Amino acid sequence: MAYFAYHTVEGERGVLAWLRLDKEILAAEMQLATVTTERQSLEHRVLLLRPDHLDPDMLEERARAMLNMGRADEMVIFQK
């Protein structure tokens, strides 16, 4: 009886393993939510750069980033 009780709690499919897996699932779901939000943001930015619907502000932003240029009356503040 003690053998079965021990493995019910401590075994690889016991209660403690179940709790540990439950925590891992929760962490994975949180990471999925973060990645999903980031992906949606990137998809929106890509949508703004499509040839059939080009957003002028997004085009200017990307051109400045790629060419590393600005206007004479602008100040550039670099952030880490």
PDB file of N, CA and C in Angstrom:
ATOM      1  N   MET A   1       0.827  -1.189   0.000  1.00  0.00           N
ATOM      2  CA  MET A   1       0.000   0.000   0.000  1.00  0.00           C
ATOM      3  C   MET A   1       0.873   1.255   0.000  1.00  0.00           C
ATOM      4  N   ALA A   2       1.941   1.214   0.789  1.00  0.00           N
ATOM      5  CA  ALA A   2       2.848   2.368   0.869  1.00  0.00           C
ATOM      6  C   ALA A   2       3.509   2.621  -0.479  1.00  0.00           C
ATOM      7  N   TYR A   3       3.844   1.566  -1.202  1.00  0.00           N
ATOM      8  CA  TYR A   3       4.468   1.690  -2.523  1.00  0.00           C
ATOM      9  C   TYR A   3       3.559   2.478  -3.467  1.00  0.00           C
ATOM     10  N   PHE A   4       2.297   2.122  -3.516  1.00  0.00           N
ATOM     11  CA  PHE A   4       1.354   2.802  -4.394  1.00  0.00           C
ATOM     12  C   PHE A   4       1.108   4.241  -3.950  1.00  0.00           C
ATOM     13  N   ALA A   5       1.036   4.462  -2.658  1.00  0.00           N
ATOM     14  CA  ALA A   5       0.839   5.820  -2.142  1.00  0.00           C
ATOM     15  C   ALA A   5       2.035   6.699  -2.490  1.00  0.00           C
ATOM     16  N   TYR A   6       3.240   6.165  -2.343  1.00  0.00           N
ATOM     17  CA  TYR A   6       4.454   6.920  -2.670  1.00  0.00           C
ATOM     18  C   TYR A   6       4.472   7.300  -4.152  1.00  0.00           C
ATOM     19  N   HIS A   7       4.213   6.368  -5.022  1.00  0.00           N
ATOM     20  CA  HIS A   7       4.259   6.629  -6.460  1.00  0.00           C
ATOM     21  C   HIS A   7       3.076   7.483  -6.937  1.00  0.00           C
ATOM     22  N   THR A   8       1.999   7.494  -6.170  1.00  0.00           N
ATOM     23  CA  THR A   8       0.891   8.389  -6.497  1.00  0.00           C
ATOM     24  C   THR A   8       1.309   9.848  -6.320  1.00  0.00           C
ATOM     25  N   VAL A   9       2.161  10.094  -5.338  1.00  0.00           N
ATOM     26  CA  VAL A   9       2.613  11.464  -5.063  1.00  0.00           C
ATOM     27  C   VAL A   9       3.910  11.766  -5.795  1.00  0.00           C
ATOM     28  N   GLU A  10       4.904  10.909  -5.690  1.00  0.00           N
ATOM     29  CA  GLU A  10       6.251  11.183  -6.182  1.00  0.00           C
ATOM     30  C   GLU A  10       6.576  10.593  -7.549  1.00  0.00           C
ATOM     31  N   GLY A  11       5.763   9.766  -8.094  1.00  0.00           N
ATOM     32  CA  GLY A  11       6.078   9.089  -9.352  1.00  0.00           C
ATOM     33  C   GLY A  11       6.139  10.043 -10.538  1.00  0.00           C
ATOM     34  N   GLU A  12       6.599   9.530 -11.676  1.00  0.00           N
ATOM     35  CA  GLU A  12       6.732  10.386 -12.854  1.00  0.00           C
ATOM     36  C   GLU A  12       5.382  10.839 -13.391  1.00  0.00           C
ATOM     37  N   ARG A  13       4.321  10.175 -12.990  1.00  0.00           N
ATOM     38  CA  ARG A  13       2.962  10.605 -13.341  1.00  0.00           C
ATOM     39  C   ARG A  13       2.145  10.907 -12.088  1.00  0.00           C
ATOM     40  N   GLY A  14       2.837  11.243 -11.022  1.00  0.00           N
ATOM     41  CA  GLY A  14       2.183  11.517  -9.749  1.00  0.00           C
ATOM     42  C   GLY A  14       1.676  12.947  -9.643  1.00  0.00           C
ATOM     43  N   VAL A  15       1.233  13.268  -8.451  1.00  0.00           N
ATOM     44  CA  VAL A  15       0.650  14.578  -8.189  1.00  0.00           C
ATOM     45  C   VAL A  15       1.686  15.683  -8.355  1.00  0.00           C
ATOM     46  N   LEU A  16       2.892  15.489  -7.848  1.00  0.00           N
ATOM     47  CA  LEU A  16       3.926  16.518  -7.957  1.00  0.00           C
ATOM     48  C   LEU A  16       4.344  16.744  -9.411  1.00  0.00           C
ATOM     49  N   ALA A  17       4.420  15.690 -10.171  1.00  0.00           N
ATOM     50  CA  ALA A  17       4.736  15.832 -11.598  1.00  0.00           C
ATOM     51  C   ALA A  17       3.610  16.563 -12.318  1.00  0.00           C
ATOM     52  N   TRP A  18       2.391  16.297 -11.941  1.00  0.00           N
ATOM     53  CA  TRP A  18       1.248  16.978 -12.538  1.00  0.00           C
ATOM     54  C   TRP A  18       1.285  18.475 -12.239  1.00  0.00           C
ATOM     55  N   LEU A  19       1.610  18.834 -10.989  1.00  0.00           N
ATOM     56  CA  LEU A  19       1.718  20.244 -10.633  1.00  0.00           C
ATOM     57  C   LEU A  19       2.849  20.933 -11.394  1.00  0.00           C
ATOM     58  N   ARG A  20       3.965  20.252 -11.540  1.00  0.00           N
ATOM     59  CA  ARG A  20       5.108  20.797 -12.269  1.00  0.00           C
ATOM     60  C   ARG A  20       4.738  21.015 -13.750  1.00  0.00           C
ATOM     61  N   LEU A  21       4.060  20.059 -14.342  1.00  0.00           N
ATOM     62  CA  LEU A  21       3.628  20.203 -15.727  1.00  0.00           C
ATOM     63  C   LEU A  21       2.601  21.317 -15.879  1.00  0.00           C
ATOM     64  N   ASP A  22       1.748  21.484 -14.884  1.00  0.00           N
ATOM     65  CA  ASP A  22       0.761  22.556 -14.919  1.00  0.00           C
ATOM     66  C   ASP A  22       1.451  23.923 -14.928  1.00  0.00           C
ATOM     67  N   LYS A  23       2.516  24.072 -14.148  1.00  0.00           N
ATOM     68  CA  LYS A  23       3.281  25.329 -14.144  1.00  0.00           C
ATOM     69  C   LYS A  23       3.976  25.550 -15.483  1.00  0.00           C
ATOM     70  N   GLU A  24       4.520  24.501 -16.066  1.00  0.00           N
ATOM     71  CA  GLU A  24       5.174  24.624 -17.366  1.00  0.00           C
ATOM     72  C   GLU A  24       4.177  25.014 -18.460  1.00  0.00           C
ATOM     73  N   ILE A  25       2.970  24.461 -18.391  1.00  0.00           N
ATOM     74  CA  ILE A  25       1.929  24.800 -19.364  1.00  0.00           C
ATOM     75  C   ILE A  25       1.542  26.263 -19.218  1.00  0.00           C
ATOM     76  N   LEU A  26       1.406  26.744 -18.000  1.00  0.00           N
ATOM     77  CA  LEU A  26       1.064  28.138 -17.766  1.00  0.00           C
ATOM     78  C   LEU A  26       2.144  29.068 -18.317  1.00  0.00           C
ATOM     79  N   ALA A  27       3.416  28.729 -18.080  1.00  0.00           N
ATOM     80  CA  ALA A  27       4.520  29.540 -18.603  1.00  0.00           C
ATOM     81  C   ALA A  27       4.526  29.541 -20.129  1.00  0.00           C
ATOM     82  N   ALA A  28       4.261  28.395 -20.734  1.00  0.00           N
ATOM     83  CA  ALA A  28       4.227  28.302 -22.197  1.00  0.00           C
ATOM     84  C   ALA A  28       3.057  29.103 -22.770  1.00  0.00           C
ATOM     85  N   GLU A  29       1.923  29.095 -22.097  1.00  0.00           N
ATOM     86  CA  GLU A  29       0.779  29.878 -22.561  1.00  0.00           C
ATOM     87  C   GLU A  29       1.058  31.367 -22.472  1.00  0.00           C
ATOM     88  N   MET A  30       1.756  31.793 -21.425  1.00  0.00           N
ATOM     89  CA  MET A  30       2.123  33.206 -21.295  1.00  0.00           C
ATOM     90  C   MET A  30       3.095  33.606 -22.401  1.00  0.00           C
ATOM     91  N   GLN A  31       4.044  32.744 -22.690  1.00  0.00           N
ATOM     92  CA  GLN A  31       4.993  33.019 -23.763  1.00  0.00           C
ATOM     93  C   GLN A  31       4.278  33.058 -25.111  1.00  0.00           C
ATOM     94  N   LEU A  32       3.318  32.180 -25.312  1.00  0.00           N
ATOM     95  CA  LEU A  32       2.532  32.174 -26.545  1.00  0.00           C
ATOM     96  C   LEU A  32       1.769  33.482 -26.703  1.00  0.00           C
ATOM     97  N   ALA A  33       1.186  33.979 -25.633  1.00  0.00           N
ATOM     98  CA  ALA A  33       0.448  35.240 -25.696  1.00  0.00           C
ATOM     99  C   ALA A  33       1.381  36.390 -26.059  1.00  0.00           C
ATOM    100  N   THR A  34       2.580  36.401 -25.502  1.00  0.00           N
ATOM    101  CA  THR A  34       3.555  37.450 -25.809  1.00  0.00           C
ATOM    102  C   THR A  34       3.973  37.389 -27.270  1.00  0.00           C
ATOM    103  N   VAL A  35       4.283  36.205 -27.751  1.00  0.00           N
ATOM    104  CA  VAL A  35       4.723  36.043 -29.135  1.00  0.00           C
ATOM    105  C   VAL A  35       3.584  36.356 -30.103  1.00  0.00           C
ATOM    106  N   THR A  36       2.369  35.987 -29.753  1.00  0.00           N
ATOM    107  CA  THR A  36       1.217  36.272 -30.605  1.00  0.00           C
ATOM    108  C   THR A  36       1.002  37.776 -30.735  1.00  0.00           C
ATOM    109  N   THR A  37       1.122  38.495 -29.646  1.00  0.00           N
ATOM    110  CA  THR A  37       0.979  39.949 -29.678  1.00  0.00           C
ATOM    111  C   THR A  37       2.063  40.577 -30.538  1.00  0.00           C
ATOM    112  N   GLU A  38       3.291  40.108 -30.378  1.00  0.00           N
ATOM    113  CA  GLU A  38       4.397  40.630 -31.178  1.00  0.00           C
ATOM    114  C   GLU A  38       4.180  40.327 -32.660  1.00  0.00           C
ATOM    115  N   ARG A  39       3.706  39.130 -32.957  1.00  0.00           N
ATOM    116  CA  ARG A  39       3.459  38.756 -34.352  1.00  0.00           C
ATOM    117  C   ARG A  39       2.375  39.621 -34.969  1.00  0.00           C
ATOM    118  N   GLN A  40       1.301  39.881 -34.221  1.00  0.00           N
ATOM    119  CA  GLN A  40       0.235  40.727 -34.739  1.00  0.00           C
ATOM    120  C   GLN A  40       0.736  42.135 -35.021  1.00  0.00           C
ATOM    121  N   SER A  41       1.596  42.645 -34.167  1.00  0.00           N
ATOM    122  CA  SER A  41       2.182  43.963 -34.382  1.00  0.00           C
ATOM    123  C   SER A  41       3.022  43.985 -35.653  1.00  0.00           C
ATOM    124  N   LEU A  42       3.833  42.957 -35.840  1.00  0.00           N
ATOM    125  CA  LEU A  42       4.665  42.885 -37.045  1.00  0.00           C
ATOM    126  C   LEU A  42       3.814  42.707 -38.303  1.00  0.00           C
ATOM    127  N   GLU A  43       2.771  41.913 -38.218  1.00  0.00           N
ATOM    128  CA  GLU A  43       1.880  41.739 -39.370  1.00  0.00           C
ATOM    129  C   GLU A  43       1.219  43.054 -39.756  1.00  0.00           C
ATOM    130  N   HIS A  44       0.852  43.856 -38.761  1.00  0.00           N
ATOM    131  CA  HIS A  44       0.255  45.154 -39.039  1.00  0.00           C
ATOM    132  C   HIS A  44       1.257  46.073 -39.735  1.00  0.00           C
ATOM    133  N   ARG A  45       2.500  46.073 -39.268  1.00  0.00           N
ATOM    134  CA  ARG A  45       3.526  46.908 -39.899  1.00  0.00           C
ATOM    135  C   ARG A  45       3.791  46.459 -41.341  1.00  0.00           C
ATOM    136  N   VAL A  46       3.800  45.168 -41.570  1.00  0.00           N
ATOM    137  CA  VAL A  46       4.002  44.652 -42.929  1.00  0.00           C
ATOM    138  C   VAL A  46       2.822  45.032 -43.818  1.00  0.00           C
ATOM    139  N   LEU A  47       1.626  44.980 -43.260  1.00  0.00           N
ATOM    140  CA  LEU A  47       0.441  45.355 -44.021  1.00  0.00           C
ATOM    141  C   LEU A  47       0.519  46.805 -44.494  1.00  0.00           C
ATOM    142  N   LEU A  48       1.109  47.665 -43.673  1.00  0.00           N
ATOM    143  CA  LEU A  48       1.239  49.072 -44.050  1.00  0.00           C
ATOM    144  C   LEU A  48       2.250  49.293 -45.168  1.00  0.00           C
ATOM    145  N   LEU A  49       3.103  48.319 -45.435  1.00  0.00           N
ATOM    146  CA  LEU A  49       4.112  48.454 -46.482  1.00  0.00           C
ATOM    147  C   LEU A  49       3.756  47.684 -47.757  1.00  0.00           C
ATOM    148  N   ARG A  50       2.570  47.148 -47.860  1.00  0.00           N
ATOM    149  CA  ARG A  50       2.172  46.416 -49.066  1.00  0.00           C
ATOM    150  C   ARG A  50       2.070  47.377 -50.250  1.00  0.00           C
ATOM    151  N   PRO A  51       2.460  46.929 -51.441  1.00  0.00           N
ATOM    152  CA  PRO A  51       2.435  47.812 -52.617  1.00  0.00           C
ATOM    153  C   PRO A  51       1.048  48.343 -52.974  1.00  0.00           C
ATOM    154  N   ASP A  52       0.008  47.556 -52.735  1.00  0.00           N
ATOM    155  CA  ASP A  52      -1.330  48.016 -53.085  1.00  0.00           C
ATOM    156  C   ASP A  52      -1.889  49.042 -52.100  1.00  0.00           C
ATOM    157  N   HIS A  53      -1.311  49.123 -50.904  1.00  0.00           N
ATOM    158  CA  HIS A  53      -1.759  50.093 -49.900  1.00  0.00           C
ATOM    159  C   HIS A  53      -0.541  50.546 -49.109  1.00  0.00           C
ATOM    160  N   LEU A  54       0.203  51.482 -49.648  1.00  0.00           N
ATOM    161  CA  LEU A  54       1.450  51.940 -49.043  1.00  0.00           C
ATOM    162  C   LEU A  54       1.179  53.141 -48.147  1.00  0.00           C
ATOM    163  N   ASP A  55       1.539  53.022 -46.880  1.00  0.00           N
ATOM    164  CA  ASP A  55       1.377  54.107 -45.928  1.00  0.00           C
ATOM    165  C   ASP A  55       2.592  55.033 -46.028  1.00  0.00           C
ATOM    166  N   PRO A  56       2.408  56.301 -46.348  1.00  0.00           N
ATOM    167  CA  PRO A  56       3.549  57.207 -46.529  1.00  0.00           C
ATOM    168  C   PRO A  56       4.399  57.373 -45.275  1.00  0.00           C
ATOM    169  N   ASP A  57       3.772  57.393 -44.102  1.00  0.00           N
ATOM    170  CA  ASP A  57       4.535  57.540 -42.865  1.00  0.00           C
ATOM    171  C   ASP A  57       5.427  56.329 -42.620  1.00  0.00           C
ATOM    172  N   MET A  58       4.895  55.139 -42.861  1.00  0.00           N
ATOM    173  CA  MET A  58       5.687  53.928 -42.665  1.00  0.00           C
ATOM    174  C   MET A  58       6.825  53.871 -43.680  1.00  0.00           C
ATOM    175  N   LEU A  59       6.549  54.288 -44.901  1.00  0.00           N
ATOM    176  CA  LEU A  59       7.590  54.314 -45.929  1.00  0.00           C
ATOM    177  C   LEU A  59       8.712  55.264 -45.533  1.00  0.00           C
ATOM    178  N   GLU A  60       8.352  56.437 -45.036  1.00  0.00           N
ATOM    179  CA  GLU A  60       9.365  57.400 -44.609  1.00  0.00           C
ATOM    180  C   GLU A  60      10.178  56.853 -43.436  1.00  0.00           C
ATOM    181  N   GLU A  61       9.502  56.225 -42.490  1.00  0.00           N
ATOM    182  CA  GLU A  61      10.195  55.653 -41.335  1.00  0.00           C
ATOM    183  C   GLU A  61      11.215  54.603 -41.764  1.00  0.00           C
ATOM    184  N   ARG A  62      10.806  53.706 -42.646  1.00  0.00           N
ATOM    185  CA  ARG A  62      11.716  52.650 -43.094  1.00  0.00           C
ATOM    186  C   ARG A  62      12.864  53.213 -43.926  1.00  0.00           C
ATOM    187  N   ALA A  63      12.568  54.227 -44.778  1.00  0.00           N
ATOM    188  CA  ALA A  63      13.620  54.835 -45.595  1.00  0.00           C
ATOM    189  C   ALA A  63      14.654  55.514 -44.709  1.00  0.00           C
ATOM    190  N   ARG A  64      14.210  56.204 -43.679  1.00  0.00           N
ATOM    191  CA  ARG A  64      15.148  56.850 -42.747  1.00  0.00           C
ATOM    192  C   ARG A  64      15.995  55.817 -42.016  1.00  0.00           C
ATOM    193  N   ALA A  65      15.378  54.738 -41.606  1.00  0.00           N
ATOM    194  CA  ALA A  65      16.126  53.705 -40.888  1.00  0.00           C
ATOM    195  C   ALA A  65      17.149  53.028 -41.801  1.00  0.00           C
ATOM    196  N   MET A  66      16.752  52.745 -43.036  1.00  0.00           N
ATOM    197  CA  MET A  66      17.657  52.044 -43.954  1.00  0.00           C
ATOM    198  C   MET A  66      18.781  52.947 -44.455  1.00  0.00           C
ATOM    199  N   LEU A  67      18.472  54.212 -44.709  1.00  0.00           N
ATOM    200  CA  LEU A  67      19.469  55.134 -45.252  1.00  0.00           C
ATOM    201  C   LEU A  67      20.219  55.900 -44.175  1.00  0.00           C
ATOM    202  N   ASN A  68      19.736  55.798 -42.930  1.00  0.00           N
ATOM    203  CA  ASN A  68      20.365  56.479 -41.802  1.00  0.00           C
ATOM    204  C   ASN A  68      20.444  57.985 -42.070  1.00  0.00           C
ATOM    205  N   MET A  69      19.338  58.570 -42.503  1.00  0.00           N
ATOM    206  CA  MET A  69      19.308  59.984 -42.842  1.00  0.00           C
ATOM    207  C   MET A  69      18.149  60.669 -42.127  1.00  0.00           C
ATOM    208  N   GLY A  70      18.273  61.986 -42.034  1.00  0.00           N
ATOM    209  CA  GLY A  70      17.217  62.811 -41.470  1.00  0.00           C
ATOM    210  C   GLY A  70      17.250  64.164 -42.144  1.00  0.00           C
ATOM    211  N   ARG A  71      16.332  65.016 -41.751  1.00  0.00           N
ATOM    212  CA  ARG A  71      16.297  66.361 -42.308  1.00  0.00           C
ATOM    213  C   ARG A  71      17.217  67.271 -41.515  1.00  0.00           C
ATOM    214  N   ALA A  72      17.557  68.434 -42.087  1.00  0.00           N
ATOM    215  CA  ALA A  72      18.483  69.364 -41.437  1.00  0.00           C
ATOM    216  C   ALA A  72      17.912  69.943 -40.155  1.00  0.00           C
ATOM    217  N   ASP A  73      16.606  70.082 -40.036  1.00  0.00           N
ATOM    218  CA  ASP A  73      16.006  70.702 -38.859  1.00  0.00           C
ATOM    219  C   ASP A  73      15.605  69.688 -37.770  1.00  0.00           C
ATOM    220  N   GLU A  74      16.046  68.468 -37.883  1.00  0.00           N
ATOM    221  CA  GLU A  74      15.685  67.430 -36.914  1.00  0.00           C
ATOM    222  C   GLU A  74      16.861  67.094 -36.006  1.00  0.00           C
ATOM    223  N   MET A  75      16.501  66.692 -34.782  1.00  0.00           N
ATOM    224  CA  MET A  75      17.494  66.188 -33.831  1.00  0.00           C
ATOM    225  C   MET A  75      17.263  64.693 -33.673  1.00  0.00           C
ATOM    226  N   VAL A  76      18.348  63.945 -33.621  1.00  0.00           N
ATOM    227  CA  VAL A  76      18.263  62.496 -33.469  1.00  0.00           C
ATOM    228  C   VAL A  76      18.691  62.143 -32.044  1.00  0.00           C
ATOM    229  N   ILE A  77      17.851  61.388 -31.349  1.00  0.00           N
ATOM    230  CA  ILE A  77      18.147  60.941 -29.985  1.00  0.00           C
ATOM    231  C   ILE A  77      18.201  59.425 -30.029  1.00  0.00           C
ATOM    232  N   PHE A  78      19.360  58.861 -29.739  1.00  0.00           N
ATOM    233  CA  PHE A  78      19.544  57.405 -29.785  1.00  0.00           C
ATOM    234  C   PHE A  78      19.151  56.803 -28.446  1.00  0.00           C
ATOM    235  N   GLN A  79      18.416  55.715 -28.499  1.00  0.00           N
ATOM    236  CA  GLN A  79      18.017  54.992 -27.297  1.00  0.00           C
ATOM    237  C   GLN A  79      18.621  53.608 -27.343  1.00  0.00           C
ATOM    238  N   LYS A  80      18.962  53.103 -26.181  1.00  0.00           N
ATOM    239  CA  LYS A  80      19.531  51.756 -26.115  1.00  0.00           C
ATOM    240  C   LYS A  80      18.432  50.744 -26.154  1.00  0.00           C
TER     241      LYS A  80
END
